[in-house]
Amino acid sequence: MTAINASGPAAPAARFDDHLRQHYARFTRDFWYAPTVWHWRGIEAAVLSDTVGPAMQRPILDLGCGDGRFLRTWHDGQLQAEVGFDLMPRNVRRAARSGSYAAALVADGTRLPFESERFGTVFSNSTIEHIPPIAPLLSEVRRVLRPGGQFIATVPNHNLTRFLVEGSPLTAAGLRPAAERWADRRNRLLHHVHLYDAPQWHDLLTAAGLEPVVLRPYLSRESVAMWETLRNLNLGVGDYRAYVALKYLGAGLDRAGANPLREQMRRLALDVVLPQVARWESAVREGACWLIVASRPAA
């Protein structure tokens, strides 16, 4: 399958820029305390909106829904999917409270507890790269999709490791083996199991009985370097610890009536980072991620 930007003519750059500004603003509003999140997810949501549009065929199943906040922020609270599921009970409890789903449940993606041909769309955001048995998962996606239904997924790909290595200060210092070890460690920490190129995804999808429609690259080399730079705002205490500390500190400041941390982070995102990201992502040819759209054949 050839990597293409859309299932029809390429989207106008101005339209993509509009999507990027809109979604970067939404994700910095909701995840201001987590720079690597608002950066990556803001780009991701813009590419989704630019490619698949605001509407998905119903009913919608969110595979690996997490806490439901990605779907809520992407659609600004205006979309409720019929079902969200995740393997982690804590995530499911949070997803049920998010308002993003009519129903949320604990389930295993390789053994979906739904009748065949139930859903018009199976959506999955940054999930299937973490699930080792990928073939059974894709077969289950096909089974629960109606004929003509769509599988829409975002995943990191084979370029992520390369971009991390090539953009590393260790590589610039002539220490490429150390940079490669660091990139491998990053992938292990993020539980990345599947980082595939276009032919590999084509083979996996067709073997599962799904017809590839779109394979769109996003998250440019420069955006990956920015992601790594923003990670350094955790000041060495670890992403999760830094984000939780900022989140709760921000909540206290909000209760006090003023949160300068939120405003400073949003200025960084929208005034400093976004103009560069718009330039990089509007011209991306090789990305560290794919947006995948595949369909279950109607016949």
C-alpha atoms as a PDB file:
ATOM      1  CA  MET A   1       0.000   0.000   0.000  1.00  0.00           C
ATOM      2  CA  THR A   2       1.312   3.415  -0.896  1.00  0.00           C
ATOM      3  CA  ALA A   3       1.366   6.030   1.844  1.00  0.00           C
ATOM      4  CA  ILE A   4      -1.200   8.629   0.834  1.00  0.00           C
ATOM      5  CA  ASN A   5      -2.572  11.753   2.449  1.00  0.00           C
ATOM      6  CA  ALA A   6      -6.270  11.035   2.012  1.00  0.00           C
ATOM      7  CA  SER A   7      -8.623   8.684   0.225  1.00  0.00           C
ATOM      8  CA  GLY A   8      -9.210  11.388  -2.382  1.00  0.00           C
ATOM      9  CA  PRO A   9      -7.303  14.493  -3.445  1.00  0.00           C
ATOM     10  CA  ALA A  10      -4.815  15.882  -0.940  1.00  0.00           C
ATOM     11  CA  ALA A  11      -6.431  18.166   1.626  1.00  0.00           C
ATOM     12  CA  PRO A  12      -5.715  21.895   1.184  1.00  0.00           C
ATOM     13  CA  ALA A  13      -2.872  23.079   3.422  1.00  0.00           C
ATOM     14  CA  ALA A  14      -5.010  25.936   4.741  1.00  0.00           C
ATOM     15  CA  ARG A  15      -7.644  23.471   5.948  1.00  0.00           C
ATOM     16  CA  PHE A  16      -5.063  21.380   7.758  1.00  0.00           C
ATOM     17  CA  ASP A  17      -3.609  24.492   9.393  1.00  0.00           C
ATOM     18  CA  ASP A  18      -7.093  25.364  10.675  1.00  0.00           C
ATOM     19  CA  HIS A  19      -7.493  21.885  12.147  1.00  0.00           C
ATOM     20  CA  LEU A  20      -4.049  22.065  13.727  1.00  0.00           C
ATOM     21  CA  ARG A  21      -4.693  25.419  15.406  1.00  0.00           C
ATOM     22  CA  GLN A  22      -8.070  24.240  16.666  1.00  0.00           C
ATOM     23  CA  HIS A  23      -6.846  20.963  18.122  1.00  0.00           C
ATOM     24  CA  TYR A  24      -3.574  22.274  19.491  1.00  0.00           C
ATOM     25  CA  ALA A  25      -5.629  24.855  21.396  1.00  0.00           C
ATOM     26  CA  ARG A  26      -8.015  22.199  22.723  1.00  0.00           C
ATOM     27  CA  PHE A  27      -5.290  19.859  23.904  1.00  0.00           C
ATOM     28  CA  THR A  28      -3.257  22.614  25.542  1.00  0.00           C
ATOM     29  CA  ARG A  29      -6.456  23.706  27.293  1.00  0.00           C
ATOM     30  CA  ASP A  30      -7.172  20.227  28.676  1.00  0.00           C
ATOM     31  CA  PHE A  31      -3.598  18.899  29.073  1.00  0.00           C
ATOM     32  CA  TRP A  32      -1.634  22.109  29.682  1.00  0.00           C
ATOM     33  CA  TYR A  33       0.382  20.381  32.427  1.00  0.00           C
ATOM     34  CA  ALA A  34       1.641  17.608  30.087  1.00  0.00           C
ATOM     35  CA  PRO A  35       3.642  19.137  27.199  1.00  0.00           C
ATOM     36  CA  THR A  36       4.437  15.861  25.441  1.00  0.00           C
ATOM     37  CA  VAL A  37       0.716  15.018  25.485  1.00  0.00           C
ATOM     38  CA  TRP A  38      -0.628  18.290  24.069  1.00  0.00           C
ATOM     39  CA  HIS A  39       2.065  18.284  21.398  1.00  0.00           C
ATOM     40  CA  TRP A  40       1.607  14.715  20.113  1.00  0.00           C
ATOM     41  CA  ARG A  41      -2.176  14.500  20.593  1.00  0.00           C
ATOM     42  CA  GLY A  42      -2.841  17.948  19.146  1.00  0.00           C
ATOM     43  CA  ILE A  43      -1.138  16.913  15.899  1.00  0.00           C
ATOM     44  CA  GLU A  44      -2.862  13.534  15.951  1.00  0.00           C
ATOM     45  CA  ALA A  45      -6.349  15.001  16.366  1.00  0.00           C
ATOM     46  CA  ALA A  46      -5.708  17.504  13.564  1.00  0.00           C
ATOM     47  CA  VAL A  47      -4.709  14.712  11.171  1.00  0.00           C
ATOM     48  CA  LEU A  48      -7.775  12.677  12.166  1.00  0.00           C
ATOM     49  CA  SER A  49     -10.135  15.601  11.571  1.00  0.00           C
ATOM     50  CA  ASP A  50      -8.412  16.496   8.308  1.00  0.00           C
ATOM     51  CA  THR A  51      -8.654  12.934   6.961  1.00  0.00           C
ATOM     52  CA  VAL A  52     -11.804  11.294   8.342  1.00  0.00           C
ATOM     53  CA  GLY A  53     -13.788  14.443   9.123  1.00  0.00           C
ATOM     54  CA  PRO A  54     -16.046  15.094  12.100  1.00  0.00           C
ATOM     55  CA  ALA A  55     -18.426  12.171  11.492  1.00  0.00           C
ATOM     56  CA  MET A  56     -17.870   8.435  11.852  1.00  0.00           C
ATOM     57  CA  GLN A  57     -20.328   5.701  10.931  1.00  0.00           C
ATOM     58  CA  ARG A  58     -22.401   4.624  13.913  1.00  0.00           C
ATOM     59  CA  PRO A  59     -22.405   2.690  16.132  1.00  0.00           C
ATOM     60  CA  ILE A  60     -18.828   3.546  17.219  1.00  0.00           C
ATOM     61  CA  LEU A  61     -16.563   1.255  19.246  1.00  0.00           C
ATOM     62  CA  ASP A  62     -13.465   2.845  20.824  1.00  0.00           C
ATOM     63  CA  LEU A  63     -10.859   0.094  21.111  1.00  0.00           C
ATOM     64  CA  GLY A  64      -8.526   0.871  24.017  1.00  0.00           C
ATOM     65  CA  CYS A  65     -10.455   3.955  25.089  1.00  0.00           C
ATOM     66  CA  GLY A  66      -8.201   4.787  28.045  1.00  0.00           C
ATOM     67  CA  ASP A  67      -9.843   7.361  30.291  1.00  0.00           C
ATOM     68  CA  GLY A  68     -11.948   8.773  27.434  1.00  0.00           C
ATOM     69  CA  ARG A  69     -10.262  12.148  27.450  1.00  0.00           C
ATOM     70  CA  PHE A  70      -8.751  11.914  23.963  1.00  0.00           C
ATOM     71  CA  LEU A  71     -12.159  11.425  22.348  1.00  0.00           C
ATOM     72  CA  ARG A  72     -13.681  14.146  24.530  1.00  0.00           C
ATOM     73  CA  THR A  73     -10.985  16.700  23.701  1.00  0.00           C
ATOM     74  CA  TRP A  74     -10.802  15.788  19.998  1.00  0.00           C
ATOM     75  CA  HIS A  75     -14.532  16.487  19.567  1.00  0.00           C
ATOM     76  CA  ASP A  76     -14.716  19.126  22.325  1.00  0.00           C
ATOM     77  CA  GLY A  77     -17.288  17.058  24.191  1.00  0.00           C
ATOM     78  CA  GLN A  78     -19.692  16.976  21.237  1.00  0.00           C
ATOM     79  CA  LEU A  79     -19.377  13.264  20.373  1.00  0.00           C
ATOM     80  CA  GLN A  80     -20.505  10.306  22.444  1.00  0.00           C
ATOM     81  CA  ALA A  81     -19.458   6.903  21.120  1.00  0.00           C
ATOM     82  CA  GLU A  82     -21.737   3.957  21.782  1.00  0.00           C
ATOM     83  CA  VAL A  83     -19.079   1.794  23.466  1.00  0.00           C
ATOM     84  CA  GLY A  84     -15.582   2.290  24.823  1.00  0.00           C
ATOM     85  CA  PHE A  85     -13.504  -0.529  26.233  1.00  0.00           C
ATOM     86  CA  ASP A  86     -10.099  -0.956  27.784  1.00  0.00           C
ATOM     87  CA  LEU A  87      -8.194  -3.732  29.505  1.00  0.00           C
ATOM     88  CA  MET A  88      -7.533  -1.631  32.631  1.00  0.00           C
ATOM     89  CA  PRO A  89     -10.484  -1.286  35.049  1.00  0.00           C
ATOM     90  CA  ARG A  90      -9.229   2.056  36.365  1.00  0.00           C
ATOM     91  CA  ASN A  91      -9.290   3.504  32.852  1.00  0.00           C
ATOM     92  CA  VAL A  92     -12.775   2.165  32.265  1.00  0.00           C
ATOM     93  CA  ARG A  93     -14.093   3.785  35.448  1.00  0.00           C
ATOM     94  CA  ARG A  94     -12.668   7.119  34.327  1.00  0.00           C
ATOM     95  CA  ALA A  95     -13.989   6.648  30.788  1.00  0.00           C
ATOM     96  CA  ALA A  96     -17.474   6.012  32.169  1.00  0.00           C
ATOM     97  CA  ARG A  97     -17.300   9.367  33.979  1.00  0.00           C
ATOM     98  CA  SER A  98     -15.899  11.244  30.966  1.00  0.00           C
ATOM     99  CA  GLY A  99     -19.201  11.504  29.082  1.00  0.00           C
ATOM    100  CA  SER A 100     -17.508  10.145  25.945  1.00  0.00           C
ATOM    101  CA  TYR A 101     -19.360   6.809  25.911  1.00  0.00           C
ATOM    102  CA  ALA A 102     -22.866   5.505  26.337  1.00  0.00           C
ATOM    103  CA  ALA A 103     -21.258   2.378  27.812  1.00  0.00           C
ATOM    104  CA  ALA A 104     -17.724   1.604  28.999  1.00  0.00           C
ATOM    105  CA  LEU A 105     -16.474  -1.856  29.888  1.00  0.00           C
ATOM    106  CA  VAL A 106     -13.401  -3.935  30.579  1.00  0.00           C
ATOM    107  CA  ALA A 107     -12.578  -6.180  27.628  1.00  0.00           C
ATOM    108  CA  ASP A 108      -9.725  -7.848  25.754  1.00  0.00           C
ATOM    109  CA  GLY A 109      -9.267  -6.678  22.165  1.00  0.00           C
ATOM    110  CA  THR A 110      -8.386 -10.180  20.983  1.00  0.00           C
ATOM    111  CA  ARG A 111     -11.701 -11.581  22.338  1.00  0.00           C
ATOM    112  CA  LEU A 112     -14.300  -8.877  21.888  1.00  0.00           C
ATOM    113  CA  PRO A 113     -17.574  -9.497  23.768  1.00  0.00           C
ATOM    114  CA  PHE A 114     -19.785  -8.229  20.935  1.00  0.00           C
ATOM    115  CA  GLU A 115     -21.875  -9.900  18.283  1.00  0.00           C
ATOM    116  CA  SER A 116     -20.580  -9.926  14.721  1.00  0.00           C
ATOM    117  CA  GLU A 117     -21.289  -6.966  12.410  1.00  0.00           C
ATOM    118  CA  ARG A 118     -22.423  -4.710  15.241  1.00  0.00           C
ATOM    119  CA  PHE A 119     -20.376  -1.542  14.616  1.00  0.00           C
ATOM    120  CA  GLY A 120     -20.074   0.963  11.785  1.00  0.00           C
ATOM    121  CA  THR A 121     -16.701   2.217  13.071  1.00  0.00           C
ATOM    122  CA  VAL A 122     -13.988   0.732  15.219  1.00  0.00           C
ATOM    123  CA  PHE A 123     -11.752   3.576  16.367  1.00  0.00           C
ATOM    124  CA  SER A 124      -8.417   3.130  18.135  1.00  0.00           C
ATOM    125  CA  ASN A 125      -6.053   5.891  19.196  1.00  0.00           C
ATOM    126  CA  SER A 126      -2.462   4.888  19.959  1.00  0.00           C
ATOM    127  CA  THR A 127      -3.450   1.481  21.319  1.00  0.00           C
ATOM    128  CA  ILE A 128      -2.847  -1.401  18.936  1.00  0.00           C
ATOM    129  CA  GLU A 129       0.932  -0.879  18.944  1.00  0.00           C
ATOM    130  CA  HIS A 130       0.847  -2.094  22.580  1.00  0.00           C
ATOM    131  CA  ILE A 131      -1.053  -5.368  21.999  1.00  0.00           C
ATOM    132  CA  PRO A 132       1.292  -8.294  21.185  1.00  0.00           C
ATOM    133  CA  PRO A 133      -1.150 -10.643  19.364  1.00  0.00           C
ATOM    134  CA  ILE A 134      -1.939  -8.224  16.523  1.00  0.00           C
ATOM    135  CA  ALA A 135      -3.417 -10.748  14.046  1.00  0.00           C
ATOM    136  CA  PRO A 136      -6.250 -11.921  16.360  1.00  0.00           C
ATOM    137  CA  LEU A 137      -6.985  -8.307  17.243  1.00  0.00           C
ATOM    138  CA  LEU A 138      -7.421  -7.279  13.597  1.00  0.00           C
ATOM    139  CA  SER A 139      -9.537 -10.364  12.921  1.00  0.00           C
ATOM    140  CA  GLU A 140     -11.834  -9.374  15.786  1.00  0.00           C
ATOM    141  CA  VAL A 141     -12.042  -5.824  14.412  1.00  0.00           C
ATOM    142  CA  ARG A 142     -13.213  -7.205  11.067  1.00  0.00           C
ATOM    143  CA  ARG A 143     -15.710  -9.522  12.740  1.00  0.00           C
ATOM    144  CA  VAL A 144     -17.472  -6.791  14.717  1.00  0.00           C
ATOM    145  CA  LEU A 145     -17.507  -4.317  11.798  1.00  0.00           C
ATOM    146  CA  ARG A 146     -20.518  -4.138   9.545  1.00  0.00           C
ATOM    147  CA  PRO A 147     -19.854  -4.672   5.817  1.00  0.00           C
ATOM    148  CA  GLY A 148     -18.663  -1.303   4.565  1.00  0.00           C
ATOM    149  CA  GLY A 149     -17.681  -0.236   8.083  1.00  0.00           C
ATOM    150  CA  GLN A 150     -14.357   1.420   8.832  1.00  0.00           C
ATOM    151  CA  PHE A 151     -11.420   0.735  11.090  1.00  0.00           C
ATOM    152  CA  ILE A 152      -9.700   4.038  12.019  1.00  0.00           C
ATOM    153  CA  ALA A 153      -6.474   3.815  14.000  1.00  0.00           C
ATOM    154  CA  THR A 154      -3.419   5.871  14.888  1.00  0.00           C
ATOM    155  CA  VAL A 155      -0.101   4.132  15.569  1.00  0.00           C
ATOM    156  CA  PRO A 156       3.591   5.000  15.790  1.00  0.00           C
ATOM    157  CA  ASN A 157       5.683   3.396  13.082  1.00  0.00           C
ATOM    158  CA  HIS A 158       9.187   2.267  12.166  1.00  0.00           C
ATOM    159  CA  ASN A 159      10.452   5.840  11.767  1.00  0.00           C
ATOM    160  CA  LEU A 160       9.990   6.742  15.435  1.00  0.00           C
ATOM    161  CA  THR A 161      13.138   4.919  16.547  1.00  0.00           C
ATOM    162  CA  ARG A 162      15.164   6.327  13.655  1.00  0.00           C
ATOM    163  CA  PHE A 163      14.039   9.892  14.345  1.00  0.00           C
ATOM    164  CA  LEU A 164      14.853   9.527  18.041  1.00  0.00           C
ATOM    165  CA  VAL A 165      18.353   8.293  17.199  1.00  0.00           C
ATOM    166  CA  GLU A 166      19.089  10.815  14.460  1.00  0.00           C
ATOM    167  CA  GLY A 167      17.855  13.741  16.554  1.00  0.00           C
ATOM    168  CA  SER A 168      19.669  12.718  19.724  1.00  0.00           C
ATOM    169  CA  PRO A 169      22.467  14.887  21.166  1.00  0.00           C
ATOM    170  CA  LEU A 170      24.297  11.609  21.724  1.00  0.00           C
ATOM    171  CA  THR A 171      24.378  10.996  17.969  1.00  0.00           C
ATOM    172  CA  ALA A 172      25.582  14.563  17.374  1.00  0.00           C
ATOM    173  CA  ALA A 173      28.392  13.883  19.852  1.00  0.00           C
ATOM    174  CA  GLY A 174      29.455  10.760  17.940  1.00  0.00           C
ATOM    175  CA  LEU A 175      27.832   8.361  20.406  1.00  0.00           C
ATOM    176  CA  ARG A 176      25.265   6.752  18.106  1.00  0.00           C
ATOM    177  CA  PRO A 177      25.279   3.342  19.881  1.00  0.00           C
ATOM    178  CA  ALA A 178      24.307   5.114  23.114  1.00  0.00           C
ATOM    179  CA  ALA A 179      21.562   6.991  21.241  1.00  0.00           C
ATOM    180  CA  GLU A 180      20.259   3.695  19.834  1.00  0.00           C
ATOM    181  CA  ARG A 181      20.151   2.189  23.323  1.00  0.00           C
ATOM    182  CA  TRP A 182      18.258   5.252  24.569  1.00  0.00           C
ATOM    183  CA  ALA A 183      15.715   5.029  21.706  1.00  0.00           C
ATOM    184  CA  ASP A 184      15.178   1.320  22.410  1.00  0.00           C
ATOM    185  CA  ARG A 185      14.639   2.125  26.082  1.00  0.00           C
ATOM    186  CA  ARG A 186      12.088   4.806  25.166  1.00  0.00           C
ATOM    187  CA  ASN A 187      10.141   2.263  23.115  1.00  0.00           C
ATOM    188  CA  ARG A 188      10.245  -0.258  25.954  1.00  0.00           C
ATOM    189  CA  LEU A 189       9.048   2.324  28.462  1.00  0.00           C
ATOM    190  CA  LEU A 190       6.194   3.212  26.113  1.00  0.00           C
ATOM    191  CA  HIS A 191       5.394  -0.505  25.549  1.00  0.00           C
ATOM    192  CA  HIS A 192       5.725  -0.234  21.766  1.00  0.00           C
ATOM    193  CA  VAL A 193       5.432  -3.748  20.321  1.00  0.00           C
ATOM    194  CA  HIS A 194       4.473  -3.006  16.694  1.00  0.00           C
ATOM    195  CA  LEU A 195       6.380  -0.308  14.772  1.00  0.00           C
ATOM    196  CA  TYR A 196       5.682  -1.221  11.152  1.00  0.00           C
ATOM    197  CA  ASP A 197       6.255   0.254   7.722  1.00  0.00           C
ATOM    198  CA  ALA A 198       3.577   0.591   5.025  1.00  0.00           C
ATOM    199  CA  PRO A 199       4.005  -2.869   3.372  1.00  0.00           C
ATOM    200  CA  GLN A 200       3.826  -4.599   6.757  1.00  0.00           C
ATOM    201  CA  TRP A 201       0.565  -2.847   7.656  1.00  0.00           C
ATOM    202  CA  HIS A 202      -0.838  -3.645   4.225  1.00  0.00           C
ATOM    203  CA  ASP A 203      -0.106  -7.339   4.737  1.00  0.00           C
ATOM    204  CA  LEU A 204      -1.522  -7.400   8.278  1.00  0.00           C
ATOM    205  CA  LEU A 205      -4.753  -5.649   7.296  1.00  0.00           C
ATOM    206  CA  THR A 206      -5.405  -7.698   4.163  1.00  0.00           C
ATOM    207  CA  ALA A 207      -4.638 -10.945   6.002  1.00  0.00           C
ATOM    208  CA  ALA A 208      -7.372  -9.994   8.483  1.00  0.00           C
ATOM    209  CA  GLY A 209      -9.874  -9.370   5.667  1.00  0.00           C
ATOM    210  CA  LEU A 210      -9.693  -5.559   5.858  1.00  0.00           C
ATOM    211  CA  GLU A 211      -9.194  -3.361   2.810  1.00  0.00           C
ATOM    212  CA  PRO A 212      -6.601  -0.579   3.341  1.00  0.00           C
ATOM    213  CA  VAL A 213      -7.930   2.817   2.295  1.00  0.00           C
ATOM    214  CA  VAL A 214      -5.599   5.407   3.859  1.00  0.00           C
ATOM    215  CA  LEU A 215      -2.128   5.285   5.332  1.00  0.00           C
ATOM    216  CA  ARG A 216      -1.219   8.872   6.167  1.00  0.00           C
ATOM    217  CA  PRO A 217       2.088   9.838   7.803  1.00  0.00           C
ATOM    218  CA  TYR A 218       2.282  12.420  10.544  1.00  0.00           C
ATOM    219  CA  LEU A 219       4.613  13.523  13.351  1.00  0.00           C
ATOM    220  CA  SER A 220       7.592  14.716  11.339  1.00  0.00           C
ATOM    221  CA  ARG A 221      11.230  14.298  12.284  1.00  0.00           C
ATOM    222  CA  GLU A 222      11.188  17.854  13.654  1.00  0.00           C
ATOM    223  CA  SER A 223       8.016  17.222  15.652  1.00  0.00           C
ATOM    224  CA  VAL A 224       9.630  14.167  17.242  1.00  0.00           C
ATOM    225  CA  ALA A 225      12.620  16.313  18.206  1.00  0.00           C
ATOM    226  CA  MET A 226      10.205  18.851  19.717  1.00  0.00           C
ATOM    227  CA  TRP A 227       8.469  16.045  21.622  1.00  0.00           C
ATOM    228  CA  GLU A 228      11.821  15.088  23.145  1.00  0.00           C
ATOM    229  CA  THR A 229      12.608  18.733  23.948  1.00  0.00           C
ATOM    230  CA  LEU A 230       9.240  19.217  25.668  1.00  0.00           C
ATOM    231  CA  ARG A 231       9.840  16.051  27.678  1.00  0.00           C
ATOM    232  CA  ASN A 232      12.807  17.826  29.257  1.00  0.00           C
ATOM    233  CA  LEU A 233      10.374  20.241  30.934  1.00  0.00           C
ATOM    234  CA  ASN A 234       9.836  17.495  33.514  1.00  0.00           C
ATOM    235  CA  LEU A 235      13.163  18.679  35.018  1.00  0.00           C
ATOM    236  CA  GLY A 236      14.423  15.124  35.400  1.00  0.00           C
ATOM    237  CA  VAL A 237      11.739  13.919  37.812  1.00  0.00           C
ATOM    238  CA  GLY A 238       9.960  11.737  35.222  1.00  0.00           C
ATOM    239  CA  ASP A 239       7.036  12.537  32.951  1.00  0.00           C
ATOM    240  CA  TYR A 240       4.295  11.022  35.083  1.00  0.00           C
ATOM    241  CA  ARG A 241       5.489  12.533  38.374  1.00  0.00           C
ATOM    242  CA  ALA A 242       5.993  15.966  36.814  1.00  0.00           C
ATOM    243  CA  TYR A 243       2.596  15.950  35.114  1.00  0.00           C
ATOM    244  CA  VAL A 244       0.711  14.803  38.205  1.00  0.00           C
ATOM    245  CA  ALA A 245       2.461  17.406  40.358  1.00  0.00           C
ATOM    246  CA  LEU A 246       1.657  20.191  37.872  1.00  0.00           C
ATOM    247  CA  LYS A 247      -1.926  19.011  37.473  1.00  0.00           C
ATOM    248  CA  TYR A 248      -2.657  19.108  41.202  1.00  0.00           C
ATOM    249  CA  LEU A 249      -0.734  22.321  41.744  1.00  0.00           C
ATOM    250  CA  GLY A 250      -2.747  23.844  38.892  1.00  0.00           C
ATOM    251  CA  ALA A 251      -6.000  22.626  40.438  1.00  0.00           C
ATOM    252  CA  GLY A 252      -5.089  24.391  43.675  1.00  0.00           C
ATOM    253  CA  LEU A 253      -4.260  27.591  41.799  1.00  0.00           C
ATOM    254  CA  ASP A 254      -7.556  27.341  39.907  1.00  0.00           C
ATOM    255  CA  ARG A 255      -9.421  27.173  43.209  1.00  0.00           C
ATOM    256  CA  ALA A 256      -7.521  30.246  44.341  1.00  0.00           C
ATOM    257  CA  GLY A 257      -8.745  32.080  41.239  1.00  0.00           C
ATOM    258  CA  ALA A 258      -5.519  32.400  39.240  1.00  0.00           C
ATOM    259  CA  ASN A 259      -3.321  29.848  37.474  1.00  0.00           C
ATOM    260  CA  PRO A 260      -0.326  31.541  35.829  1.00  0.00           C
ATOM    261  CA  LEU A 261       1.216  28.132  35.084  1.00  0.00           C
ATOM    262  CA  ARG A 262      -1.650  27.256  32.738  1.00  0.00           C
ATOM    263  CA  GLU A 263      -1.384  30.581  30.922  1.00  0.00           C
ATOM    264  CA  GLN A 264       2.390  30.356  30.509  1.00  0.00           C
ATOM    265  CA  MET A 265       2.185  26.813  29.159  1.00  0.00           C
ATOM    266  CA  ARG A 266      -0.538  27.770  26.688  1.00  0.00           C
ATOM    267  CA  ARG A 267       1.540  30.697  25.496  1.00  0.00           C
ATOM    268  CA  LEU A 268       4.497  28.375  24.983  1.00  0.00           C
ATOM    269  CA  ALA A 269       2.308  25.967  23.022  1.00  0.00           C
ATOM    270  CA  LEU A 270       0.337  28.382  20.858  1.00  0.00           C
ATOM    271  CA  ASP A 271       2.787  31.248  20.371  1.00  0.00           C
ATOM    272  CA  VAL A 272       6.125  29.450  20.256  1.00  0.00           C
ATOM    273  CA  VAL A 273       5.662  25.779  19.361  1.00  0.00           C
ATOM    274  CA  LEU A 274       2.564  25.782  17.131  1.00  0.00           C
ATOM    275  CA  PRO A 275       3.924  28.041  14.327  1.00  0.00           C
ATOM    276  CA  GLN A 276       6.861  25.657  13.896  1.00  0.00           C
ATOM    277  CA  VAL A 277       4.662  22.562  14.054  1.00  0.00           C
ATOM    278  CA  ALA A 278       2.335  23.984  11.386  1.00  0.00           C
ATOM    279  CA  ARG A 279       5.290  24.388   9.035  1.00  0.00           C
ATOM    280  CA  TRP A 280       6.659  20.923   9.735  1.00  0.00           C
ATOM    281  CA  GLU A 281       3.395  18.961   9.595  1.00  0.00           C
ATOM    282  CA  SER A 282       1.938  20.645   6.500  1.00  0.00           C
ATOM    283  CA  ALA A 283       4.937  19.404   4.514  1.00  0.00           C
ATOM    284  CA  VAL A 284       5.479  16.016   6.168  1.00  0.00           C
ATOM    285  CA  ARG A 285       6.594  13.232   3.820  1.00  0.00           C
ATOM    286  CA  GLU A 286       7.993  10.821   6.379  1.00  0.00           C
ATOM    287  CA  GLY A 287       6.285  10.608   9.729  1.00  0.00           C
ATOM    288  CA  ALA A 288       6.843   8.725  12.972  1.00  0.00           C
ATOM    289  CA  CYS A 289       3.154   7.703  12.984  1.00  0.00           C
ATOM    290  CA  TRP A 290       0.465   6.414  10.651  1.00  0.00           C
ATOM    291  CA  LEU A 291      -3.190   7.249  10.480  1.00  0.00           C
ATOM    292  CA  ILE A 292      -4.737   4.028   9.217  1.00  0.00           C
ATOM    293  CA  VAL A 293      -8.181   3.799   7.638  1.00  0.00           C
ATOM    294  CA  ALA A 294      -9.299   0.358   6.464  1.00  0.00           C
ATOM    295  CA  SER A 295     -12.737  -0.958   5.585  1.00  0.00           C
ATOM    296  CA  ARG A 296     -14.533  -4.252   5.791  1.00  0.00           C
ATOM    297  CA  PRO A 297     -15.528  -5.041   2.203  1.00  0.00           C
ATOM    298  CA  ALA A 298     -19.249  -4.677   1.577  1.00  0.00           C
ATOM    299  CA  ALA A 299     -19.434  -8.007  -0.210  1.00  0.00           C
END
